């Protein structure tokens, strides 16, 4: 058990090395954040302009429809740019120098699978929200359990979408679930390690934003607010890149059983005991 966790730490550390060597990959999750934020800003503007806010709060059908569209939007854009990061990570692990353009091109080639995945996520997310909304405690409990199981089952969905040329959701989920089963300890530890690496940056940003809102005014408030916003965005972007690189590395180990990228100088037994 402890071996799995130590190997997860090694993968997270190697992912950080890969990110240092390819800082330009930060452009991809940054684009995702900007597009998602812009989309919601436009939607909010339309809702306020046409007086739809009250209807969204009182009309279940409009509320569920808005939720479905929101999840589909965030899932499709997030998966698209994460897929671009994953492609770049695969290329780097093959000894090549990845570019943002190549990542975007690969994600575009997988657009059908990404669209199917986004619609699936939106459908399930909306159904779970309705259960939570209509069935009280039982619905909330069911949503909590399903959310946890779903997050584990879909942990490797993005690498699978990039590698496997299929839009079959069942096949994608089976491959992702099988990979997670093989690497659950490493996956959990790598994810926690990535969170611990980026959390201080986010906390500094939140502290600056709080300081700007509660304790200062004028130019100082604007300066603190700007620094805080940049720090929060930087933490989110770094977390996205590091998390995706770690998943690609673990996917390579689990499916190909060989060392990749920044880990190729390490003893295979430090990562997976059964590696040749």
Protein backbone atom coordinates (compact mmCIF):
# COMPACT_ATOMS: atom_id res chain seq x y z
CA UNK A 1 0.00 0.00 0.00
CA UNK A 2 2.73 2.47 0.99
CA UNK A 3 4.53 1.59 -2.23
CA UNK A 4 1.58 2.77 -4.28
CA UNK A 5 1.52 6.10 -2.47
CA UNK A 6 5.26 6.68 -2.80
CA UNK A 7 5.06 5.90 -6.50
CA UNK A 8 2.23 8.41 -6.81
CA UNK A 9 4.48 11.06 -5.26
CA UNK A 10 7.20 10.18 -7.78
CA UNK A 11 4.77 10.62 -10.66
CA UNK A 12 3.62 14.01 -9.35
CA UNK A 13 7.23 15.14 -8.95
CA UNK A 14 8.04 14.05 -12.50
CA UNK A 15 4.95 15.86 -13.79
CA UNK A 16 6.23 19.06 -12.21
CA UNK A 17 9.55 18.58 -14.03
CA UNK A 18 7.72 18.12 -17.32
CA UNK A 19 5.70 21.31 -16.74
CA UNK A 20 8.89 23.26 -16.00
CA UNK A 21 10.28 22.07 -19.33
CA UNK A 22 7.08 23.01 -21.18
CA UNK A 23 5.56 26.07 -19.47
CA UNK A 24 3.81 27.05 -22.70
CA UNK A 25 1.25 24.30 -22.01
CA UNK A 26 -0.31 26.68 -19.49
CA UNK A 27 -1.88 28.47 -22.47
CA UNK A 28 -4.30 25.56 -22.98
CA UNK A 29 -6.13 25.52 -19.62
CA UNK A 30 -5.96 29.32 -19.59
CA UNK A 31 -7.87 29.38 -22.88
CA UNK A 32 -10.40 26.99 -21.37
CA UNK A 33 -10.95 29.27 -18.38
CA UNK A 34 -11.30 32.34 -20.55
CA UNK A 35 -13.76 30.72 -22.94
CA UNK A 36 -15.89 29.22 -20.17
CA UNK A 37 -15.90 32.51 -18.29
CA UNK A 38 -16.80 34.43 -21.44
CA UNK A 39 -19.59 31.99 -22.22
CA UNK A 40 -21.16 32.36 -18.79
CA UNK A 41 -20.74 36.13 -18.91
CA UNK A 42 -22.60 36.28 -22.23
CA UNK A 43 -25.32 33.96 -20.93
CA UNK A 44 -25.73 36.04 -17.78
CA UNK A 45 -25.93 39.21 -19.85
CA UNK A 46 -28.66 37.73 -22.04
CA UNK A 47 -30.58 36.46 -19.00
CA UNK A 48 -30.53 39.88 -17.32
CA UNK A 49 -31.27 41.77 -20.53
CA UNK A 50 -34.38 39.74 -21.32
CA UNK A 51 -35.50 39.35 -17.72
CA UNK A 52 -35.02 35.59 -17.61
CA UNK A 53 -33.45 35.39 -14.15
CA UNK A 54 -36.77 35.09 -12.30
CA UNK A 55 -37.93 32.37 -14.71
CA UNK A 56 -34.72 30.41 -14.24
CA UNK A 57 -35.25 30.47 -10.48
CA UNK A 58 -38.90 29.40 -10.57
CA UNK A 59 -39.37 27.34 -13.73
CA UNK A 60 -37.95 23.82 -13.33
CA UNK A 61 -37.77 23.11 -17.05
CA UNK A 62 -35.79 26.28 -17.80
CA UNK A 63 -33.59 25.67 -14.77
CA UNK A 64 -32.75 22.11 -15.80
CA UNK A 65 -32.20 23.16 -19.40
CA UNK A 66 -29.81 25.93 -18.32
CA UNK A 67 -27.98 23.44 -16.10
CA UNK A 68 -27.66 20.93 -18.95
CA UNK A 69 -26.27 23.58 -21.30
CA UNK A 70 -23.86 24.85 -18.63
CA UNK A 71 -22.47 21.40 -17.90
CA UNK A 72 -22.20 20.59 -21.60
CA UNK A 73 -20.33 23.85 -22.22
CA UNK A 74 -17.86 23.46 -19.37
CA UNK A 75 -17.34 19.74 -20.02
CA UNK A 76 -16.76 20.13 -23.75
CA UNK A 77 -14.33 23.04 -23.42
CA UNK A 78 -12.55 21.56 -20.42
CA UNK A 79 -12.18 18.16 -22.07
CA UNK A 80 -11.05 19.71 -25.35
CA UNK A 81 -8.18 21.67 -23.84
CA UNK A 82 -7.27 18.88 -21.41
CA UNK A 83 -7.09 16.56 -24.41
CA UNK A 84 -4.66 19.00 -26.03
CA UNK A 85 -2.50 18.91 -22.89
CA UNK A 86 -2.69 15.11 -22.83
CA UNK A 87 -1.55 14.87 -26.46
CA UNK A 88 1.41 17.13 -25.70
CA UNK A 89 2.30 14.97 -22.69
CA UNK A 90 2.19 11.80 -24.82
CA UNK A 91 4.53 13.42 -27.36
CA UNK A 92 6.90 14.59 -24.66
CA UNK A 93 6.99 11.12 -23.15
CA UNK A 94 7.89 9.81 -26.62
CA UNK A 95 10.95 12.07 -26.62
CA UNK A 96 9.52 14.81 -28.84
CA UNK A 97 8.99 18.53 -28.28
CA UNK A 98 5.24 19.20 -28.11
CA UNK A 99 3.64 22.43 -29.27
CA UNK A 100 0.34 24.03 -28.39
CA UNK A 101 -0.74 23.91 -32.04
CA UNK A 102 -0.19 20.14 -32.21
CA UNK A 103 -2.18 19.66 -29.04
CA UNK A 104 -5.09 21.69 -30.38
CA UNK A 105 -4.98 19.79 -33.66
CA UNK A 106 -5.14 16.45 -31.87
CA UNK A 107 -8.01 17.62 -29.68
CA UNK A 108 -9.89 18.79 -32.77
CA UNK A 109 -9.43 15.38 -34.38
CA UNK A 110 -11.04 13.86 -31.28
CA UNK A 111 -13.90 16.39 -31.31
CA UNK A 112 -16.62 13.79 -31.89
CA UNK A 113 -15.58 11.74 -28.87
CA UNK A 114 -15.29 14.94 -26.83
CA UNK A 115 -18.78 16.05 -27.89
CA UNK A 116 -20.29 12.65 -27.01
CA UNK A 117 -18.51 12.74 -23.68
CA UNK A 118 -19.73 16.27 -22.93
CA UNK A 119 -23.34 15.32 -23.70
CA UNK A 120 -23.05 12.23 -21.51
CA UNK A 121 -21.64 14.28 -18.63
CA UNK A 122 -24.34 16.92 -19.04
CA UNK A 123 -27.12 14.32 -19.08
CA UNK A 124 -25.87 12.52 -15.98
CA UNK A 125 -25.14 15.77 -14.17
CA UNK A 126 -28.64 17.08 -14.85
CA UNK A 127 -30.30 13.83 -13.78
CA UNK A 128 -28.33 13.80 -10.53
CA UNK A 129 -29.25 17.41 -9.86
CA UNK A 130 -32.94 16.58 -10.36
CA UNK A 131 -32.65 13.64 -7.96
CA UNK A 132 -30.98 15.88 -5.41
CA UNK A 133 -33.60 18.57 -5.93
CA UNK A 134 -36.67 16.34 -5.80
CA UNK A 135 -35.82 13.55 -3.34
CA UNK A 136 -34.26 15.41 -0.43
CA UNK A 137 -31.74 13.53 1.70
CA UNK A 138 -31.95 10.30 -0.30
CA UNK A 139 -31.35 12.17 -3.53
CA UNK A 140 -28.40 14.05 -2.03
CA UNK A 141 -26.88 10.81 -0.70
CA UNK A 142 -27.32 9.08 -4.04
CA UNK A 143 -25.75 12.04 -5.84
CA UNK A 144 -22.78 12.09 -3.45
CA UNK A 145 -22.08 8.37 -3.86
CA UNK A 146 -22.50 8.46 -7.63
CA UNK A 147 -20.32 11.57 -7.99
CA UNK A 148 -17.50 9.83 -6.14
CA UNK A 149 -17.80 6.61 -8.13
CA UNK A 150 -18.09 8.55 -11.39
CA UNK A 151 -14.98 10.63 -10.68
CA UNK A 152 -12.95 7.46 -10.10
CA UNK A 153 -14.39 5.63 -13.11
CA UNK A 154 -13.67 8.58 -15.43
CA UNK A 155 -10.23 9.46 -14.06
CA UNK A 156 -8.45 8.43 -17.29
CA UNK A 157 -11.16 9.40 -19.78
CA UNK A 158 -9.14 12.18 -21.42
CA UNK A 159 -6.03 10.05 -22.14
CA UNK A 160 -8.32 7.31 -23.47
CA UNK A 161 -10.10 9.77 -25.78
CA UNK A 162 -6.75 10.90 -27.21
CA UNK A 163 -5.35 7.39 -27.66
CA UNK A 164 -8.45 5.41 -28.67
CA UNK A 165 -10.15 6.38 -31.93
CA UNK A 166 -13.70 5.74 -30.73
CA UNK A 167 -16.86 7.56 -29.71
CA UNK A 168 -18.20 4.51 -27.87
CA UNK A 169 -18.79 5.75 -24.32
CA UNK A 170 -18.94 2.22 -22.96
CA UNK A 171 -15.49 1.40 -24.36
CA UNK A 172 -14.05 4.68 -23.09
CA UNK A 173 -15.41 4.09 -19.58
CA UNK A 174 -14.23 0.47 -19.53
CA UNK A 175 -10.70 1.48 -20.49
CA UNK A 176 -10.64 4.33 -17.99
CA UNK A 177 -12.02 2.17 -15.19
CA UNK A 178 -9.60 -0.69 -15.87
CA UNK A 179 -6.65 1.72 -15.84
CA UNK A 180 -7.76 3.29 -12.58
CA UNK A 181 -8.18 -0.15 -11.02
CA UNK A 182 -4.54 -0.92 -11.85
CA UNK A 183 -3.21 2.39 -10.53
CA UNK A 184 -5.72 3.55 -7.91
CA UNK A 185 -3.12 4.16 -5.19
CA UNK A 186 -0.76 6.03 -7.48
CA UNK A 187 -3.61 7.99 -9.03
CA UNK A 188 -5.03 9.17 -5.72
CA UNK A 189 -1.63 10.09 -4.34
CA UNK A 190 -0.54 11.89 -7.49
CA UNK A 191 -3.77 13.91 -7.50
CA UNK A 192 -3.38 14.85 -3.84
CA UNK A 193 0.26 15.80 -4.42
CA UNK A 194 -0.67 18.05 -7.33
CA UNK A 195 -3.30 19.72 -5.15
CA UNK A 196 -0.78 20.30 -2.37
CA UNK A 197 1.69 21.84 -4.82
CA UNK A 198 -0.82 24.32 -6.24
CA UNK A 199 -2.92 24.99 -3.12
CA UNK A 200 -0.51 27.55 -1.55
CA UNK A 201 -0.64 29.68 -4.69
CA UNK A 202 -4.45 29.62 -4.68
CA UNK A 203 -4.58 30.44 -0.96
CA UNK A 204 -2.29 33.43 -1.45
CA UNK A 205 -4.57 34.61 -4.23
CA UNK A 206 -7.68 34.21 -2.09
CA UNK A 207 -6.00 36.09 0.77
CA UNK A 208 -5.12 38.96 -1.56
CA UNK A 209 -8.67 39.09 -2.91
CA UNK A 210 -10.06 39.10 0.62
CA UNK A 211 -7.66 41.85 1.60
CA UNK A 212 -8.67 43.92 -1.39
CA UNK A 213 -12.36 43.53 -0.57
CA UNK A 214 -12.39 43.91 3.21
CA UNK A 215 -9.42 46.00 4.29
CA UNK A 216 -8.28 48.36 1.54
CA UNK A 217 -9.58 50.77 -1.04
CA UNK A 218 -8.36 52.79 -3.98
CA UNK A 219 -5.22 51.80 -5.93
CA UNK A 220 -4.07 49.42 -3.20
CA UNK A 221 -7.28 47.46 -3.42
CA UNK A 222 -7.00 47.21 -7.20
CA UNK A 223 -3.38 46.07 -6.92
CA UNK A 224 -4.16 43.42 -4.31
CA UNK A 225 -7.20 42.28 -6.26
CA UNK A 226 -5.19 41.94 -9.47
CA UNK A 227 -2.44 40.00 -7.74
CA UNK A 228 -5.01 37.78 -6.06
CA UNK A 229 -6.87 37.05 -9.29
CA UNK A 230 -3.65 36.25 -11.14
CA UNK A 231 -2.52 33.94 -8.34
CA UNK A 232 -5.83 32.05 -8.29
CA UNK A 233 -5.80 31.65 -12.07
CA UNK A 234 -2.14 30.55 -12.00
CA UNK A 235 -2.93 27.93 -9.36
CA UNK A 236 -5.89 26.56 -11.33
CA UNK A 237 -3.93 26.49 -14.59
CA UNK A 238 -0.94 24.75 -13.00
CA UNK A 239 -3.23 22.22 -11.32
CA UNK A 240 -4.89 21.39 -14.65
CA UNK A 241 -1.60 20.86 -16.48
CA UNK A 242 0.10 18.90 -13.70
CA UNK A 243 -2.95 16.73 -13.13
CA UNK A 244 -3.28 15.85 -16.79
CA UNK A 245 0.43 15.13 -17.22
CA UNK A 246 0.31 12.82 -14.18
CA UNK A 247 -2.69 10.96 -15.63
CA UNK A 248 -0.95 10.49 -18.95
CA UNK A 249 2.17 9.17 -17.21
CA UNK A 250 0.12 6.73 -15.15
CA UNK A 251 -1.84 5.68 -18.23
CA UNK A 252 1.40 4.97 -20.09
CA UNK A 253 2.68 2.86 -17.21
CA UNK A 254 -0.57 0.94 -16.81
CA UNK A 255 -1.16 0.22 -20.51
CA UNK A 256 2.36 -0.02 -21.94
CA UNK A 257 4.34 -1.00 -18.84
CA UNK A 258 7.35 1.17 -19.58
CA UNK A 259 9.02 4.30 -18.24
CA UNK A 260 8.26 7.59 -19.92
CA UNK A 261 9.39 11.19 -20.11
CA UNK A 262 10.85 12.66 -16.94
CA UNK A 263 10.74 9.26 -15.22
CA UNK A 264 13.03 7.45 -17.67
CA UNK A 265 16.07 8.01 -15.47
CA UNK A 266 14.48 6.29 -12.49
CA UNK A 267 14.50 2.67 -11.49
CA UNK A 268 11.28 1.12 -12.86
CA UNK A 269 10.68 -0.56 -9.50
CA UNK A 270 10.29 2.89 -7.97
CA UNK A 271 7.24 3.47 -10.14
CA UNK A 272 5.66 0.08 -10.78
CA UNK A 273 7.17 -3.02 -9.18
CA UNK A 274 6.24 -5.23 -12.12
CA UNK A 275 7.88 -3.00 -14.76
CA UNK A 276 10.58 -4.78 -16.80
